[in-house]
Amino acid sequence: MEPLPPDADEAPPPPPASPKPFGLGAAGLVFLVYLLAQFGGAAVAIIAVMIAAGGGKETIKEVGEPIAFLCAMIAGGVAVVLVTRSLWAGRAAAEGRRAFGLVGARRQTVLVALGGGVLLAAALLAFQVLVAPPAPDGDMGELSKMASTPGLPFVVFVLVAVVLAPPIEELLFRGVLLHGLSHRLGLVGAAAVTTAVFTLLHAAEAVHYPWAFVFIGGLGVGTAWLRIATGSILPAFALHVGYNGALTLVQAWALTAAP
């Protein structure tokens, strides 16, 4: 028996709905999960060290705190990648790479950005020596304490400051958040908000030397400008690595020169 022909008056099926834009809500969710993952990673590390050390306070302080800091950074980075991939599902991968700046950049631009980060770090150090020296016995944030403590704390500081923080923070702030917020605020507004949030997230360290807010804010402005100007987070990553790396090298020299 021949099948009946389709009714000419029958409306064609609607096209599949296109995914919602990766906007403010999606970016905010990624940021929230990033913060929760950092807290969770640190908590799990502290509990693991407490169990392994039998609750010894000295071990928890000397080993637990650095490991917790490291685990928090790793957990936050993994969360950013996984949640962003999940929210981007259904869209073209190439479009996602362009949206989040995961594209190439000119080598010369990357090298200049790297040098710019070193110069920004040098400006901070010169300012501390010539204009506003930090208090010799002033309080320090946890990251600064690790940077000043030889052994495991300093190794963790290097891993966090040079290896983990630049790619994770650039992907989050100049990649995911900048793209998501730009749908509502435009590129300039998104750059301003992400730079402000980036600076505030470093407040636990900078509050002990308030002038540091100026240089951290300068780093945020520079990385945001590079991201917008080049369409890639690679130059922003290079600027971040140059800044953190130069400060880390100076700190390593200070530790080796200390009596």
Protein backbone atom coordinates (compact mmCIF):
# COMPACT_ATOMS: atom_id res chain seq x y z
CA MET A 1 0.00 0.00 0.00
CA GLU A 2 1.42 3.36 -1.04
CA PRO A 3 1.97 5.88 1.83
CA LEU A 4 -0.28 8.90 1.76
CA PRO A 5 1.38 12.09 0.50
CA PRO A 6 2.00 14.77 3.15
CA ASP A 7 -0.71 17.35 3.55
CA ALA A 8 0.27 20.39 1.53
CA ASP A 9 -1.30 22.64 4.12
CA GLU A 10 0.65 21.12 7.01
CA ALA A 11 3.16 23.56 8.49
CA PRO A 12 6.82 22.47 8.38
CA PRO A 13 8.36 21.57 11.73
CA PRO A 14 9.96 24.52 13.55
CA PRO A 15 13.74 24.78 13.33
CA PRO A 16 15.67 23.68 16.40
CA ALA A 17 16.03 26.43 18.98
CA SER A 18 19.42 28.07 18.99
CA PRO A 19 21.32 28.11 22.31
CA LYS A 20 20.92 31.17 24.49
CA PRO A 21 23.83 33.63 24.32
CA PHE A 22 26.64 33.03 26.79
CA GLY A 23 25.83 36.18 28.72
CA LEU A 24 25.79 37.65 32.20
CA GLY A 25 24.03 34.72 33.85
CA ALA A 26 26.41 32.11 32.45
CA ALA A 27 29.48 34.17 33.31
CA GLY A 28 28.20 34.76 36.83
CA LEU A 29 27.59 31.05 37.31
CA VAL A 30 31.14 30.21 36.22
CA PHE A 31 32.51 32.77 38.67
CA LEU A 32 30.38 31.47 41.54
CA VAL A 33 31.41 27.87 40.91
CA TYR A 34 35.05 29.02 40.73
CA LEU A 35 34.81 30.53 44.22
CA LEU A 36 33.00 27.50 45.65
CA ALA A 37 35.52 25.12 44.09
CA GLN A 38 38.40 27.06 45.61
CA PHE A 39 36.78 26.88 49.04
CA GLY A 40 36.03 23.19 48.62
CA GLY A 41 39.53 22.36 47.39
CA ALA A 42 41.12 24.17 50.33
CA ALA A 43 38.79 22.50 52.83
CA VAL A 44 39.47 19.01 51.48
CA ALA A 45 43.23 19.64 51.59
CA ILE A 46 43.14 20.88 55.18
CA ILE A 47 41.05 17.90 56.30
CA ALA A 48 43.39 15.47 54.52
CA VAL A 49 46.46 17.01 56.16
CA MET A 50 44.77 17.01 59.57
CA ILE A 51 44.02 13.30 59.23
CA ALA A 52 47.52 12.48 57.99
CA ALA A 53 49.19 14.61 60.67
CA GLY A 54 46.97 13.45 63.50
CA GLY A 55 45.82 17.00 64.19
CA GLY A 56 49.29 18.46 64.82
CA LYS A 57 48.97 22.25 64.68
CA GLU A 58 52.51 22.86 63.46
CA THR A 59 52.13 20.38 60.60
CA ILE A 60 48.81 21.88 59.61
CA LYS A 61 50.34 25.36 59.54
CA GLU A 62 53.56 24.43 57.76
CA VAL A 63 52.13 21.88 55.33
CA GLY A 64 48.36 22.20 55.36
CA GLU A 65 48.11 25.88 54.51
CA PRO A 66 50.39 25.77 51.45
CA ILE A 67 48.77 22.57 50.18
CA ALA A 68 45.32 24.06 50.75
CA PHE A 69 46.28 27.14 48.74
CA LEU A 70 47.58 24.97 45.91
CA CYS A 71 44.51 22.72 45.89
CA ALA A 72 42.20 25.74 45.94
CA MET A 73 43.83 27.14 42.82
CA ILE A 74 43.76 23.82 40.99
CA ALA A 75 40.13 23.16 41.95
CA GLY A 76 39.11 26.63 40.81
CA GLY A 77 40.82 26.20 37.45
CA VAL A 78 39.26 22.79 36.82
CA ALA A 79 35.85 24.19 37.74
CA VAL A 80 36.19 27.09 35.28
CA VAL A 81 37.05 24.75 32.42
CA LEU A 82 34.36 22.15 33.16
CA VAL A 83 31.50 24.57 33.83
CA THR A 84 32.35 26.74 30.83
CA ARG A 85 32.45 23.70 28.55
CA SER A 86 29.11 22.53 29.93
CA LEU A 87 27.44 25.91 29.43
CA TRP A 88 28.88 26.22 25.92
CA ALA A 89 27.48 22.82 24.86
CA GLY A 90 25.55 22.96 21.60
CA ARG A 91 27.68 25.71 20.11
CA ALA A 92 30.56 25.49 17.68
CA ALA A 93 33.93 24.86 19.35
CA ALA A 94 35.67 27.33 17.03
CA GLU A 95 33.20 30.03 18.02
CA GLY A 96 33.95 29.32 21.68
CA ARG A 97 37.68 29.68 21.16
CA ARG A 98 37.14 33.06 19.54
CA ALA A 99 34.64 34.15 22.21
CA PHE A 100 37.01 33.40 25.07
CA GLY A 101 40.19 34.56 23.36
CA LEU A 102 41.66 31.07 22.97
CA VAL A 103 43.26 31.99 19.68
CA GLY A 104 46.79 32.76 18.61
CA ALA A 105 48.54 36.11 18.72
CA ARG A 106 51.62 37.57 17.09
CA ARG A 107 54.85 36.46 18.75
CA GLN A 108 56.11 40.02 18.89
CA THR A 109 52.97 41.14 20.70
CA VAL A 110 53.32 38.33 23.25
CA LEU A 111 56.99 39.15 23.89
CA VAL A 112 56.24 42.86 24.29
CA ALA A 113 53.46 42.01 26.75
CA LEU A 114 55.85 39.78 28.69
CA GLY A 115 58.33 42.63 28.91
CA GLY A 116 55.54 44.98 29.97
CA GLY A 117 54.76 42.71 32.90
CA VAL A 118 58.40 42.75 33.97
CA LEU A 119 58.45 46.56 33.75
CA LEU A 120 55.27 46.81 35.84
CA ALA A 121 56.85 44.60 38.50
CA ALA A 122 60.00 46.74 38.39
CA ALA A 123 57.85 49.85 38.86
CA LEU A 124 56.25 48.31 41.97
CA LEU A 125 59.64 47.40 43.43
CA ALA A 126 61.08 50.85 42.69
CA PHE A 127 58.03 52.47 44.27
CA GLN A 128 58.51 50.35 47.40
CA VAL A 129 62.19 51.30 47.64
CA LEU A 130 62.01 54.99 46.72
CA VAL A 131 58.54 56.23 47.63
CA ALA A 132 56.58 54.07 50.07
CA PRO A 133 58.56 51.23 51.68
CA PRO A 134 56.45 48.53 53.34
CA ALA A 135 56.51 48.49 57.13
CA PRO A 136 59.44 46.27 58.18
CA ASP A 137 57.38 44.36 60.75
CA GLY A 138 53.99 44.85 59.15
CA ASP A 139 51.36 42.16 58.68
CA MET A 140 51.44 40.05 55.53
CA GLY A 141 48.81 38.06 53.68
CA GLU A 142 49.02 34.28 53.48
CA LEU A 143 50.53 34.31 49.99
CA SER A 144 53.17 36.83 51.05
CA LYS A 145 54.02 34.68 54.05
CA MET A 146 54.51 31.67 51.78
CA ALA A 147 56.72 33.75 49.50
CA SER A 148 58.90 34.63 52.48
CA THR A 149 59.19 31.08 53.87
CA PRO A 150 61.80 28.74 52.37
CA GLY A 151 60.90 25.15 51.58
CA LEU A 152 57.43 23.89 50.71
CA PRO A 153 55.65 27.25 51.20
CA PHE A 154 57.91 29.00 48.69
CA VAL A 155 57.63 26.14 46.18
CA VAL A 156 53.83 26.37 46.39
CA PHE A 157 54.05 30.15 46.00
CA VAL A 158 56.04 29.73 42.77
CA LEU A 159 53.59 27.15 41.41
CA VAL A 160 50.58 29.32 42.20
CA ALA A 161 52.00 32.69 41.17
CA VAL A 162 53.79 31.69 37.96
CA VAL A 163 52.33 28.38 36.75
CA LEU A 164 48.66 28.33 37.82
CA ALA A 165 47.34 31.83 38.46
CA PRO A 166 48.14 33.46 35.07
CA PRO A 167 46.36 30.92 32.81
CA ILE A 168 43.45 30.30 35.21
CA GLU A 169 42.81 33.96 36.01
CA GLU A 170 43.20 35.11 32.41
CA LEU A 171 40.78 32.44 31.18
CA LEU A 172 38.29 33.39 33.89
CA PHE A 173 38.54 37.19 33.88
CA ARG A 174 39.69 38.15 30.38
CA GLY A 175 38.12 35.12 28.71
CA VAL A 176 34.85 33.93 30.22
CA LEU A 177 33.76 36.93 32.30
CA LEU A 178 34.78 39.57 29.76
CA HIS A 179 32.85 37.80 27.02
CA GLY A 180 29.79 37.13 29.17
CA LEU A 181 29.55 40.63 30.62
CA SER A 182 30.12 42.30 27.26
CA HIS A 183 26.65 41.20 26.11
CA ARG A 184 25.13 43.46 28.75
CA LEU A 185 27.79 46.09 29.39
CA GLY A 186 29.78 46.31 26.17
CA LEU A 187 33.50 45.60 26.01
CA VAL A 188 34.58 48.71 27.92
CA GLY A 189 32.05 48.19 30.70
CA ALA A 190 32.91 44.50 30.92
CA ALA A 191 36.62 45.33 31.10
CA ALA A 192 35.98 47.82 33.92
CA VAL A 193 33.93 45.35 35.96
CA THR A 194 36.29 42.41 35.48
CA THR A 195 39.28 44.58 36.38
CA ALA A 196 37.54 45.78 39.56
CA VAL A 197 36.62 42.22 40.58
CA PHE A 198 40.12 40.98 39.74
CA THR A 199 41.63 43.69 41.95
CA LEU A 200 39.24 43.05 44.83
CA LEU A 201 39.98 39.33 44.80
CA HIS A 202 43.59 40.22 45.64
CA ALA A 203 42.51 42.43 48.54
CA ALA A 204 43.53 39.88 51.19
CA GLU A 205 47.15 40.45 50.12
CA ALA A 206 47.01 44.07 48.99
CA VAL A 207 45.30 45.35 52.13
CA HIS A 208 48.59 44.97 53.99
CA TYR A 209 50.25 47.32 51.50
CA PRO A 210 47.46 49.48 50.03
CA TRP A 211 49.63 50.87 47.24
CA ALA A 212 49.60 47.35 45.79
CA PHE A 213 46.00 47.97 44.70
CA VAL A 214 47.31 50.50 42.17
CA PHE A 215 49.69 48.02 40.57
CA ILE A 216 47.26 45.08 40.66
CA GLY A 217 44.66 47.35 39.10
CA GLY A 218 47.24 48.36 36.49
CA LEU A 219 47.82 44.68 35.73
CA GLY A 220 44.07 44.20 35.32
CA VAL A 221 43.75 47.21 33.02
CA GLY A 222 46.72 46.09 30.93
CA THR A 223 45.51 42.53 30.50
CA ALA A 224 41.98 43.66 29.63
CA TRP A 225 43.30 46.12 27.04
CA LEU A 226 45.49 43.46 25.45
CA ARG A 227 42.58 41.02 25.31
CA ILE A 228 40.33 43.54 23.59
CA ALA A 229 43.02 44.89 21.27
CA THR A 230 44.29 41.50 20.08
CA GLY A 231 41.24 39.26 20.49
CA SER A 232 43.46 36.76 22.31
CA ILE A 233 44.22 36.05 25.96
CA LEU A 234 47.80 35.02 25.11
CA PRO A 235 49.27 38.55 25.38
CA ALA A 236 47.31 39.08 28.61
CA PHE A 237 48.70 35.79 29.90
CA ALA A 238 52.23 36.91 28.96
CA LEU A 239 51.80 40.23 30.79
CA HIS A 240 50.55 38.38 33.87
CA VAL A 241 53.44 35.88 33.77
CA GLY A 242 55.98 38.68 33.32
CA TYR A 243 54.63 40.56 36.35
CA ASN A 244 54.32 37.56 38.68
CA GLY A 245 57.51 35.95 37.41
CA ALA A 246 59.64 39.04 37.95
CA LEU A 247 58.36 39.49 41.50
CA THR A 248 58.96 35.80 42.18
CA LEU A 249 62.56 35.99 40.94
CA VAL A 250 63.25 38.96 43.18
CA GLN A 251 61.72 37.14 46.14
CA ALA A 252 63.82 34.04 45.40
CA TRP A 253 66.96 36.22 45.32
CA ALA A 254 65.95 37.79 48.65
CA LEU A 255 65.56 34.36 50.25
CA THR A 256 68.93 33.12 49.02
CA ALA A 257 70.65 36.37 50.07
CA ALA A 258 69.14 36.31 53.55
CA PRO A 259 71.61 35.33 56.29
